[in-house]
Amino acid sequence: MTEDGPSDEDNVIRPDWQRLPSRDLVERVARALCRYAGYDPDQPVPTERVEPILTPEGVAFERSVDEPAWKVYAEEAGRLVAAFDAFSRL
């Protein structure tokens, strides 16, 4: 990161990516994909999941659960990490 904002270095996935635990790899790649798409990875976005809420007055309702935007890209990132891993074992 530079004073002017993100630099090209911020989006580079280094060859030493295998040193990270696999879960961290998926999050790191998902965050990079999210930034590449032009979104802030930490920006909360609504999901299709809902959670029950009970007010102090006893009224029950459901509200949508927000998650960080990078989680939208987690499934694709998992596939990419698996492909990178398979490729590195050739």
PDB file of N, CA and C in Angstrom:
ATOM      1  N   MET A   1       0.856  -1.173   0.000  1.00  0.00           N
ATOM      2  CA  MET A   1       0.000   0.000   0.000  1.00  0.00           C
ATOM      3  C   MET A   1       0.899   1.231   0.000  1.00  0.00           C
ATOM      4  N   THR A   2       0.561   2.178  -0.812  1.00  0.00           N
ATOM      5  CA  THR A   2       1.297   3.435  -0.854  1.00  0.00           C
ATOM      6  C   THR A   2       0.405   4.539  -0.306  1.00  0.00           C
ATOM      7  N   GLU A   3       0.977   5.733  -0.162  1.00  0.00           N
ATOM      8  CA  GLU A   3       0.178   6.861   0.324  1.00  0.00           C
ATOM      9  C   GLU A   3      -0.927   7.222  -0.660  1.00  0.00           C
ATOM     10  N   ASP A   4      -0.747   6.881  -1.939  1.00  0.00           N
ATOM     11  CA  ASP A   4      -1.737   7.190  -2.969  1.00  0.00           C
ATOM     12  C   ASP A   4      -2.843   6.146  -3.041  1.00  0.00           C
ATOM     13  N   GLY A   5      -2.734   5.070  -2.274  1.00  0.00           N
ATOM     14  CA  GLY A   5      -3.719   3.992  -2.315  1.00  0.00           C
ATOM     15  C   GLY A   5      -3.041   2.674  -2.611  1.00  0.00           C
ATOM     16  N   PRO A   6      -3.799   1.659  -3.019  1.00  0.00           N
ATOM     17  CA  PRO A   6      -3.228   0.347  -3.274  1.00  0.00           C
ATOM     18  C   PRO A   6      -2.233   0.396  -4.431  1.00  0.00           C
ATOM     19  N   SER A   7      -1.187  -0.369  -4.300  1.00  0.00           N
ATOM     20  CA  SER A   7      -0.207  -0.465  -5.376  1.00  0.00           C
ATOM     21  C   SER A   7      -0.380  -1.804  -6.085  1.00  0.00           C
ATOM     22  N   ASP A   8       0.290  -1.962  -7.218  1.00  0.00           N
ATOM     23  CA  ASP A   8       0.224  -3.230  -7.939  1.00  0.00           C
ATOM     24  C   ASP A   8       0.753  -4.378  -7.083  1.00  0.00           C
ATOM     25  N   GLU A   9       1.655  -4.072  -6.172  1.00  0.00           N
ATOM     26  CA  GLU A   9       2.219  -5.095  -5.281  1.00  0.00           C
ATOM     27  C   GLU A   9       1.156  -5.700  -4.368  1.00  0.00           C
ATOM     28  N   ASP A  10       0.112  -4.953  -4.032  1.00  0.00           N
ATOM     29  CA  ASP A  10      -0.911  -5.433  -3.112  1.00  0.00           C
ATOM     30  C   ASP A  10      -1.703  -6.604  -3.677  1.00  0.00           C
ATOM     31  N   ASN A  11      -1.799  -6.721  -4.975  1.00  0.00           N
ATOM     32  CA  ASN A  11      -2.616  -7.760  -5.590  1.00  0.00           C
ATOM     33  C   ASN A  11      -1.808  -8.947  -6.103  1.00  0.00           C
ATOM     34  N   VAL A  12      -0.515  -8.970  -5.819  1.00  0.00           N
ATOM     35  CA  VAL A  12       0.340 -10.039  -6.316  1.00  0.00           C
ATOM     36  C   VAL A  12       0.277 -11.233  -5.373  1.00  0.00           C
ATOM     37  N   ILE A  13       0.105 -12.413  -5.932  1.00  0.00           N
ATOM     38  CA  ILE A  13       0.174 -13.646  -5.155  1.00  0.00           C
ATOM     39  C   ILE A  13       1.573 -14.212  -5.373  1.00  0.00           C
ATOM     40  N   ARG A  14       2.344 -14.267  -4.328  1.00  0.00           N
ATOM     41  CA  ARG A  14       3.738 -14.683  -4.404  1.00  0.00           C
ATOM     42  C   ARG A  14       3.862 -16.197  -4.562  1.00  0.00           C
ATOM     43  N   PRO A  15       4.978 -16.656  -5.147  1.00  0.00           N
ATOM     44  CA  PRO A  15       5.195 -18.103  -5.293  1.00  0.00           C
ATOM     45  C   PRO A  15       5.277 -18.850  -3.967  1.00  0.00           C
ATOM     46  N   ASP A  16       5.533 -18.145  -2.863  1.00  0.00           N
ATOM     47  CA  ASP A  16       5.630 -18.816  -1.567  1.00  0.00           C
ATOM     48  C   ASP A  16       4.270 -18.997  -0.892  1.00  0.00           C
ATOM     49  N   TRP A  17       3.198 -18.947  -1.649  1.00  0.00           N
ATOM     50  CA  TRP A  17       1.849 -19.043  -1.099  1.00  0.00           C
ATOM     51  C   TRP A  17       1.615 -20.345  -0.352  1.00  0.00           C
ATOM     52  N   GLN A  18       2.377 -21.397  -0.664  1.00  0.00           N
ATOM     53  CA  GLN A  18       2.160 -22.694  -0.024  1.00  0.00           C
ATOM     54  C   GLN A  18       2.558 -22.703   1.449  1.00  0.00           C
ATOM     55  N   ARG A  19       3.287 -21.709   1.909  1.00  0.00           N
ATOM     56  CA  ARG A  19       3.710 -21.666   3.304  1.00  0.00           C
ATOM     57  C   ARG A  19       2.574 -21.294   4.248  1.00  0.00           C
ATOM     58  N   LEU A  20       1.492 -20.770   3.704  1.00  0.00           N
ATOM     59  CA  LEU A  20       0.357 -20.384   4.532  1.00  0.00           C
ATOM     60  C   LEU A  20      -0.568 -21.573   4.754  1.00  0.00           C
ATOM     61  N   PRO A  21      -1.264 -21.631   5.895  1.00  0.00           N
ATOM     62  CA  PRO A  21      -2.280 -22.681   6.067  1.00  0.00           C
ATOM     63  C   PRO A  21      -3.321 -22.588   4.966  1.00  0.00           C
ATOM     64  N   SER A  22      -3.886 -23.725   4.549  1.00  0.00           N
ATOM     65  CA  SER A  22      -4.787 -23.746   3.391  1.00  0.00           C
ATOM     66  C   SER A  22      -5.980 -22.820   3.569  1.00  0.00           C
ATOM     67  N   ARG A  23      -6.519 -22.682   4.762  1.00  0.00           N
ATOM     68  CA  ARG A  23      -7.668 -21.790   4.962  1.00  0.00           C
ATOM     69  C   ARG A  23      -7.266 -20.343   4.698  1.00  0.00           C
ATOM     70  N   ASP A  24      -6.076 -19.960   5.140  1.00  0.00           N
ATOM     71  CA  ASP A  24      -5.601 -18.607   4.890  1.00  0.00           C
ATOM     72  C   ASP A  24      -5.412 -18.360   3.399  1.00  0.00           C
ATOM     73  N   LEU A  25      -4.993 -19.399   2.670  1.00  0.00           N
ATOM     74  CA  LEU A  25      -4.820 -19.267   1.227  1.00  0.00           C
ATOM     75  C   LEU A  25      -6.134 -18.926   0.551  1.00  0.00           C
ATOM     76  N   VAL A  26      -7.180 -19.623   0.928  1.00  0.00           N
ATOM     77  CA  VAL A  26      -8.491 -19.380   0.318  1.00  0.00           C
ATOM     78  C   VAL A  26      -8.931 -17.943   0.602  1.00  0.00           C
ATOM     79  N   GLU A  27      -8.774 -17.492   1.833  1.00  0.00           N
ATOM     80  CA  GLU A  27      -9.174 -16.115   2.159  1.00  0.00           C
ATOM     81  C   GLU A  27      -8.309 -15.115   1.398  1.00  0.00           C
ATOM     82  N   ARG A  28      -7.016 -15.380   1.312  1.00  0.00           N
ATOM     83  CA  ARG A  28      -6.114 -14.450   0.611  1.00  0.00           C
ATOM     84  C   ARG A  28      -6.485 -14.339  -0.870  1.00  0.00           C
ATOM     85  N   VAL A  29      -6.763 -15.463  -1.510  1.00  0.00           N
ATOM     86  CA  VAL A  29      -7.139 -15.451  -2.930  1.00  0.00           C
ATOM     87  C   VAL A  29      -8.520 -14.816  -3.090  1.00  0.00           C
ATOM     88  N   ALA A  30      -9.454 -15.134  -2.189  1.00  0.00           N
ATOM     89  CA  ALA A  30     -10.804 -14.549  -2.262  1.00  0.00           C
ATOM     90  C   ALA A  30     -10.743 -13.026  -2.117  1.00  0.00           C
ATOM     91  N   ARG A  31      -9.894 -12.544  -1.235  1.00  0.00           N
ATOM     92  CA  ARG A  31      -9.740 -11.100  -1.070  1.00  0.00           C
ATOM     93  C   ARG A  31      -9.164 -10.470  -2.337  1.00  0.00           C
ATOM     94  N   ALA A  32      -8.193 -11.143  -2.956  1.00  0.00           N
ATOM     95  CA  ALA A  32      -7.600 -10.623  -4.193  1.00  0.00           C
ATOM     96  C   ALA A  32      -8.641 -10.586  -5.307  1.00  0.00           C
ATOM     97  N   LEU A  33      -9.457 -11.632  -5.420  1.00  0.00           N
ATOM     98  CA  LEU A  33     -10.516 -11.661  -6.436  1.00  0.00           C
ATOM     99  C   LEU A  33     -11.529 -10.544  -6.198  1.00  0.00           C
ATOM    100  N   CYS A  34     -11.861 -10.319  -4.949  1.00  0.00           N
ATOM    101  CA  CYS A  34     -12.819  -9.271  -4.590  1.00  0.00           C
ATOM    102  C   CYS A  34     -12.265  -7.898  -4.961  1.00  0.00           C
ATOM    103  N   ARG A  35     -10.993  -7.645  -4.621  1.00  0.00           N
ATOM    104  CA  ARG A  35     -10.376  -6.370  -4.984  1.00  0.00           C
ATOM    105  C   ARG A  35     -10.301  -6.221  -6.491  1.00  0.00           C
ATOM    106  N   TYR A  36      -9.991  -7.314  -7.198  1.00  0.00           N
ATOM    107  CA  TYR A  36      -9.905  -7.267  -8.654  1.00  0.00           C
ATOM    108  C   TYR A  36     -11.262  -6.878  -9.263  1.00  0.00           C
ATOM    109  N   ALA A  37     -12.342  -7.340  -8.633  1.00  0.00           N
ATOM    110  CA  ALA A  37     -13.686  -7.009  -9.113  1.00  0.00           C
ATOM    111  C   ALA A  37     -14.099  -5.588  -8.731  1.00  0.00           C
ATOM    112  N   GLY A  38     -13.260  -4.896  -7.963  1.00  0.00           N
ATOM    113  CA  GLY A  38     -13.542  -3.511  -7.626  1.00  0.00           C
ATOM    114  C   GLY A  38     -14.277  -3.299  -6.322  1.00  0.00           C
ATOM    115  N   TYR A  39     -14.291  -4.320  -5.467  1.00  0.00           N
ATOM    116  CA  TYR A  39     -15.003  -4.210  -4.193  1.00  0.00           C
ATOM    117  C   TYR A  39     -14.033  -4.212  -3.026  1.00  0.00           C
ATOM    118  N   ASP A  40     -14.448  -3.592  -1.943  1.00  0.00           N
ATOM    119  CA  ASP A  40     -13.689  -3.621  -0.695  1.00  0.00           C
ATOM    120  C   ASP A  40     -13.943  -4.978  -0.045  1.00  0.00           C
ATOM    121  N   PRO A  41     -12.908  -5.810   0.162  1.00  0.00           N
ATOM    122  CA  PRO A  41     -13.118  -7.142   0.727  1.00  0.00           C
ATOM    123  C   PRO A  41     -13.768  -7.146   2.108  1.00  0.00           C
ATOM    124  N   ASP A  42     -13.592  -6.083   2.881  1.00  0.00           N
ATOM    125  CA  ASP A  42     -14.141  -6.042   4.233  1.00  0.00           C
ATOM    126  C   ASP A  42     -15.510  -5.377   4.318  1.00  0.00           C
ATOM    127  N   GLN A  43     -16.024  -4.872   3.200  1.00  0.00           N
ATOM    128  CA  GLN A  43     -17.345  -4.236   3.183  1.00  0.00           C
ATOM    129  C   GLN A  43     -18.425  -5.291   3.444  1.00  0.00           C
ATOM    130  N   PRO A  44     -19.282  -5.086   4.437  1.00  0.00           N
ATOM    131  CA  PRO A  44     -20.355  -6.061   4.684  1.00  0.00           C
ATOM    132  C   PRO A  44     -21.361  -6.070   3.532  1.00  0.00           C
ATOM    133  N   VAL A  45     -21.751  -7.258   3.130  1.00  0.00           N
ATOM    134  CA  VAL A  45     -22.770  -7.422   2.092  1.00  0.00           C
ATOM    135  C   VAL A  45     -23.844  -8.364   2.620  1.00  0.00           C
ATOM    136  N   PRO A  46     -25.102  -8.134   2.270  1.00  0.00           N
ATOM    137  CA  PRO A  46     -26.171  -9.035   2.724  1.00  0.00           C
ATOM    138  C   PRO A  46     -26.064 -10.391   2.048  1.00  0.00           C
ATOM    139  N   THR A  47     -26.470 -11.403   2.760  1.00  0.00           N
ATOM    140  CA  THR A  47     -26.479 -12.764   2.217  1.00  0.00           C
ATOM    141  C   THR A  47     -27.914 -13.272   2.183  1.00  0.00           C
ATOM    142  N   GLU A  48     -28.087 -14.477   1.678  1.00  0.00           N
ATOM    143  CA  GLU A  48     -29.423 -15.082   1.672  1.00  0.00           C
ATOM    144  C   GLU A  48     -29.758 -15.707   3.021  1.00  0.00           C
ATOM    145  N   ARG A  49     -28.761 -15.833   3.880  1.00  0.00           N
ATOM    146  CA  ARG A  49     -28.996 -16.401   5.209  1.00  0.00           C
ATOM    147  C   ARG A  49     -29.753 -15.410   6.078  1.00  0.00           C
ATOM    148  N   VAL A  50     -30.565 -15.931   6.958  1.00  0.00           N
ATOM    149  CA  VAL A  50     -31.299 -15.093   7.909  1.00  0.00           C
ATOM    150  C   VAL A  50     -31.102 -15.659   9.309  1.00  0.00           C
ATOM    151  N   GLU A  51     -31.274 -14.788  10.291  1.00  0.00           N
ATOM    152  CA  GLU A  51     -31.196 -15.226  11.680  1.00  0.00           C
ATOM    153  C   GLU A  51     -32.434 -14.736  12.413  1.00  0.00           C
ATOM    154  N   PRO A  52     -32.922 -15.541  13.334  1.00  0.00           N
ATOM    155  CA  PRO A  52     -34.100 -15.118  14.102  1.00  0.00           C
ATOM    156  C   PRO A  52     -33.703 -14.088  15.157  1.00  0.00           C
ATOM    157  N   ILE A  53     -34.543 -13.093  15.330  1.00  0.00           N
ATOM    158  CA  ILE A  53     -34.337 -12.037  16.321  1.00  0.00           C
ATOM    159  C   ILE A  53     -35.581 -11.962  17.193  1.00  0.00           C
ATOM    160  N   LEU A  54     -35.357 -11.843  18.492  1.00  0.00           N
ATOM    161  CA  LEU A  54     -36.467 -11.695  19.427  1.00  0.00           C
ATOM    162  C   LEU A  54     -36.277 -10.367  20.154  1.00  0.00           C
ATOM    163  N   THR A  55     -37.233  -9.471  19.995  1.00  0.00           N
ATOM    164  CA  THR A  55     -37.147  -8.170  20.644  1.00  0.00           C
ATOM    165  C   THR A  55     -37.477  -8.310  22.130  1.00  0.00           C
ATOM    166  N   PRO A  56     -37.112  -7.322  22.932  1.00  0.00           N
ATOM    167  CA  PRO A  56     -37.461  -7.375  24.363  1.00  0.00           C
ATOM    168  C   PRO A  56     -38.973  -7.456  24.605  1.00  0.00           C
ATOM    169  N   GLU A  57     -39.751  -6.988  23.616  1.00  0.00           N
ATOM    170  CA  GLU A  57     -41.214  -7.056  23.751  1.00  0.00           C
ATOM    171  C   GLU A  57     -41.761  -8.433  23.381  1.00  0.00           C
ATOM    172  N   GLY A  58     -40.902  -9.346  22.928  1.00  0.00           N
ATOM    173  CA  GLY A  58     -41.343 -10.697  22.581  1.00  0.00           C
ATOM    174  C   GLY A  58     -41.737 -10.866  21.125  1.00  0.00           C
ATOM    175  N   VAL A  59     -41.442  -9.883  20.287  1.00  0.00           N
ATOM    176  CA  VAL A  59     -41.765  -9.976  18.865  1.00  0.00           C
ATOM    177  C   VAL A  59     -40.601 -10.664  18.149  1.00  0.00           C
ATOM    178  N   ALA A  60     -40.920 -11.704  17.393  1.00  0.00           N
ATOM    179  CA  ALA A  60     -39.889 -12.435  16.662  1.00  0.00           C
ATOM    180  C   ALA A  60     -39.924 -12.049  15.188  1.00  0.00           C
ATOM    181  N   PHE A  61     -38.743 -11.898  14.589  1.00  0.00           N
ATOM    182  CA  PHE A  61     -38.642 -11.641  13.159  1.00  0.00           C
ATOM    183  C   PHE A  61     -37.298 -12.155  12.681  1.00  0.00           C
ATOM    184  N   GLU A  62     -37.116 -12.181  11.379  1.00  0.00           N
ATOM    185  CA  GLU A  62     -35.852 -12.629  10.797  1.00  0.00           C
ATOM    186  C   GLU A  62     -35.178 -11.452  10.103  1.00  0.00           C
ATOM    187  N   ARG A  63     -33.845 -11.417  10.185  1.00  0.00           N
ATOM    188  CA  ARG A  63     -33.103 -10.385   9.458  1.00  0.00           C
ATOM    189  C   ARG A  63     -31.969 -11.066   8.700  1.00  0.00           C
ATOM    190  N   SER A  64     -31.573 -10.444   7.613  1.00  0.00           N
ATOM    191  CA  SER A  64     -30.513 -11.030   6.804  1.00  0.00           C
ATOM    192  C   SER A  64     -29.178 -10.882   7.528  1.00  0.00           C
ATOM    193  N   VAL A  65     -28.304 -11.847   7.287  1.00  0.00           N
ATOM    194  CA  VAL A  65     -26.981 -11.855   7.907  1.00  0.00           C
ATOM    195  C   VAL A  65     -25.991 -11.261   6.910  1.00  0.00           C
ATOM    196  N   ASP A  66     -25.225 -10.276   7.362  1.00  0.00           N
ATOM    197  CA  ASP A  66     -24.188  -9.669   6.521  1.00  0.00           C
ATOM    198  C   ASP A  66     -22.863 -10.385   6.744  1.00  0.00           C
ATOM    199  N   GLU A  67     -22.086 -10.507   5.677  1.00  0.00           N
ATOM    200  CA  GLU A  67     -20.752 -11.088   5.744  1.00  0.00           C
ATOM    201  C   GLU A  67     -19.799 -10.189   4.967  1.00  0.00           C
ATOM    202  N   PRO A  68     -18.487 -10.294   5.226  1.00  0.00           N
ATOM    203  CA  PRO A  68     -17.532  -9.528   4.433  1.00  0.00           C
ATOM    204  C   PRO A  68     -17.630  -9.912   2.956  1.00  0.00           C
ATOM    205  N   ALA A  69     -17.432  -8.955   2.065  1.00  0.00           N
ATOM    206  CA  ALA A  69     -17.586  -9.184   0.626  1.00  0.00           C
ATOM    207  C   ALA A  69     -16.670 -10.279   0.100  1.00  0.00           C
ATOM    208  N   TRP A  70     -15.488 -10.470   0.700  1.00  0.00           N
ATOM    209  CA  TRP A  70     -14.561 -11.478   0.189  1.00  0.00           C
ATOM    210  C   TRP A  70     -15.140 -12.881   0.266  1.00  0.00           C
ATOM    211  N   LYS A  71     -16.068 -13.118   1.193  1.00  0.00           N
ATOM    212  CA  LYS A  71     -16.641 -14.460   1.337  1.00  0.00           C
ATOM    213  C   LYS A  71     -17.485 -14.861   0.121  1.00  0.00           C
ATOM    214  N   VAL A  72     -17.947 -13.879  -0.650  1.00  0.00           N
ATOM    215  CA  VAL A  72     -18.680 -14.173  -1.886  1.00  0.00           C
ATOM    216  C   VAL A  72     -17.771 -14.917  -2.859  1.00  0.00           C
ATOM    217  N   TYR A  73     -16.465 -14.666  -2.777  1.00  0.00           N
ATOM    218  CA  TYR A  73     -15.498 -15.257  -3.698  1.00  0.00           C
ATOM    219  C   TYR A  73     -14.792 -16.480  -3.115  1.00  0.00           C
ATOM    220  N   ALA A  74     -15.178 -16.925  -1.931  1.00  0.00           N
ATOM    221  CA  ALA A  74     -14.480 -18.008  -1.245  1.00  0.00           C
ATOM    222  C   ALA A  74     -14.552 -19.341  -2.005  1.00  0.00           C
ATOM    223  N   GLU A  75     -15.695 -19.669  -2.580  1.00  0.00           N
ATOM    224  CA  GLU A  75     -15.807 -20.944  -3.302  1.00  0.00           C
ATOM    225  C   GLU A  75     -14.894 -20.967  -4.524  1.00  0.00           C
ATOM    226  N   GLU A  76     -14.906 -19.885  -5.302  1.00  0.00           N
ATOM    227  CA  GLU A  76     -14.026 -19.786  -6.471  1.00  0.00           C
ATOM    228  C   GLU A  76     -12.561 -19.813  -6.034  1.00  0.00           C
ATOM    229  N   ALA A  77     -12.254 -19.123  -4.951  1.00  0.00           N
ATOM    230  CA  ALA A  77     -10.882 -19.095  -4.446  1.00  0.00           C
ATOM    231  C   ALA A  77     -10.442 -20.489  -4.013  1.00  0.00           C
ATOM    232  N   GLY A  78     -11.327 -21.253  -3.397  1.00  0.00           N
ATOM    233  CA  GLY A  78     -10.998 -22.624  -2.998  1.00  0.00           C
ATOM    234  C   GLY A  78     -10.638 -23.493  -4.193  1.00  0.00           C
ATOM    235  N   ARG A  79     -11.382 -23.327  -5.275  1.00  0.00           N
ATOM    236  CA  ARG A  79     -11.067 -24.086  -6.501  1.00  0.00           C
ATOM    237  C   ARG A  79      -9.712 -23.667  -7.061  1.00  0.00           C
ATOM    238  N   LEU A  80      -9.420 -22.376  -7.045  1.00  0.00           N
ATOM    239  CA  LEU A  80      -8.131 -21.893  -7.553  1.00  0.00           C
ATOM    240  C   LEU A  80      -6.971 -22.407  -6.696  1.00  0.00           C
ATOM    241  N   VAL A  81      -7.135 -22.377  -5.372  1.00  0.00           N
ATOM    242  CA  VAL A  81      -6.080 -22.876  -4.484  1.00  0.00           C
ATOM    243  C   VAL A  81      -5.836 -24.358  -4.749  1.00  0.00           C
ATOM    244  N   ALA A  82      -6.909 -25.118  -4.925  1.00  0.00           N
ATOM    245  CA  ALA A  82      -6.750 -26.550  -5.218  1.00  0.00           C
ATOM    246  C   ALA A  82      -6.035 -26.748  -6.556  1.00  0.00           C
ATOM    247  N   ALA A  83      -6.354 -25.930  -7.548  1.00  0.00           N
ATOM    248  CA  ALA A  83      -5.691 -26.027  -8.852  1.00  0.00           C
ATOM    249  C   ALA A  83      -4.234 -25.644  -8.734  1.00  0.00           C
ATOM    250  N   PHE A  84      -3.928 -24.568  -8.001  1.00  0.00           N
ATOM    251  CA  PHE A  84      -2.523 -24.175  -7.802  1.00  0.00           C
ATOM    252  C   PHE A  84      -1.742 -25.294  -7.130  1.00  0.00           C
ATOM    253  N   ASP A  85      -2.360 -25.914  -6.135  1.00  0.00           N
ATOM    254  CA  ASP A  85      -1.703 -26.997  -5.411  1.00  0.00           C
ATOM    255  C   ASP A  85      -1.429 -28.178  -6.337  1.00  0.00           C
ATOM    256  N   ALA A  86      -2.415 -28.554  -7.141  1.00  0.00           N
ATOM    257  CA  ALA A  86      -2.235 -29.674  -8.079  1.00  0.00           C
ATOM    258  C   ALA A  86      -1.158 -29.349  -9.111  1.00  0.00           C
ATOM    259  N   PHE A  87      -1.142 -28.132  -9.585  1.00  0.00           N
ATOM    260  CA  PHE A  87      -0.165 -27.721 -10.569  1.00  0.00           C
ATOM    261  C   PHE A  87       1.260 -27.750  -9.994  1.00  0.00           C
ATOM    262  N   SER A  88       1.392 -27.348  -8.727  1.00  0.00           N
ATOM    263  CA  SER A  88       2.725 -27.287  -8.110  1.00  0.00           C
ATOM    264  C   SER A  88       3.293 -28.673  -7.851  1.00  0.00           C
ATOM    265  N   ARG A  89       2.454 -29.693  -7.876  1.00  0.00           N
ATOM    266  CA  ARG A  89       2.919 -31.067  -7.627  1.00  0.00           C
ATOM    267  C   ARG A  89       3.301 -31.799  -8.899  1.00  0.00           C
ATOM    268  N   LEU A  90       3.215 -31.143 -10.059  1.00  0.00           N
ATOM    269  CA  LEU A  90       3.567 -31.790 -11.320  1.00  0.00           C
ATOM    270  C   LEU A  90       5.034 -32.099 -11.406  1.00  0.00           C
TER     271      LEU A  90
END
